[in-house]
Amino acid sequence: MERFKKIYEQGFVEVMEIWVDTETGINYLFHRSGNAAGFTPLLDQDGKPVVTPDR
């Protein structure tokens, strides 16, 4: 089984994706625009990581 699973994607040139860590359930946001990209935990309104219960 793969560690990360993509659950959402949007865009072609400017890309936004949401990935889930299959071991912890933590959601991550990936954003790419041109040659720049970033991958960071997705946080809720309280600053805590968003967790998907069923991995």
Protein backbone atom coordinates (compact mmCIF):
# COMPACT_ATOMS: atom_id res chain seq x y z
CA MET A 1 0.00 0.00 0.00
CA GLU A 2 1.24 3.48 -0.81
CA ARG A 3 1.90 5.95 2.00
CA PHE A 4 0.05 8.92 0.42
CA LYS A 5 -3.24 8.90 -1.51
CA LYS A 6 -4.46 11.85 -3.61
CA ILE A 7 -8.10 12.61 -2.79
CA TYR A 8 -8.59 15.94 -4.62
CA GLU A 9 -7.04 17.78 -7.54
CA GLN A 10 -7.79 21.02 -9.33
CA GLY A 11 -6.06 22.93 -12.12
CA PHE A 12 -3.47 22.29 -14.81
CA VAL A 13 -0.88 25.10 -14.78
CA GLU A 14 -1.63 26.20 -11.23
CA VAL A 15 -2.31 22.94 -9.43
CA MET A 16 -3.88 22.36 -6.01
CA GLU A 17 -4.15 18.86 -4.55
CA ILE A 18 -5.09 17.29 -1.23
CA TRP A 19 -3.22 14.16 -0.16
CA VAL A 20 -3.93 11.86 2.81
CA ASP A 21 -1.21 10.05 4.74
CA THR A 22 -2.58 6.50 4.84
CA GLU A 23 -0.77 5.73 8.12
CA THR A 24 -1.81 8.78 10.16
CA GLY A 25 -4.88 10.09 8.29
CA ILE A 26 -3.41 13.63 8.22
CA ASN A 27 -4.40 15.68 5.15
CA TYR A 28 -1.78 17.66 3.23
CA LEU A 29 -2.17 20.50 0.74
CA PHE A 30 0.07 20.51 -2.33
CA HIS A 31 0.20 23.63 -4.50
CA ARG A 32 2.24 24.16 -7.67
CA SER A 33 2.46 27.33 -9.72
CA GLY A 34 5.07 27.41 -12.48
CA ASN A 35 8.39 26.21 -11.05
CA ALA A 36 7.39 26.74 -7.41
CA ALA A 37 5.64 24.14 -5.27
CA GLY A 38 4.82 23.43 -1.65
CA PHE A 39 3.49 20.56 0.47
CA THR A 40 2.13 21.34 3.95
CA PRO A 41 -0.33 19.91 6.48
CA LEU A 42 -3.90 21.10 5.93
CA LEU A 43 -5.06 22.88 9.11
CA ASP A 44 -8.55 23.52 10.49
CA GLN A 45 -9.81 26.81 11.97
CA ASP A 46 -8.11 25.99 15.30
CA GLY A 47 -4.71 25.37 13.69
CA LYS A 48 -4.88 21.59 14.16
CA PRO A 49 -4.20 19.15 11.30
CA VAL A 50 -7.25 17.90 9.39
CA VAL A 51 -7.49 14.11 9.89
CA THR A 52 -9.45 11.70 7.71
CA PRO A 53 -10.69 8.94 10.07
CA ASP A 54 -11.08 6.15 7.47
CA ARG A 55 -7.79 5.68 5.69
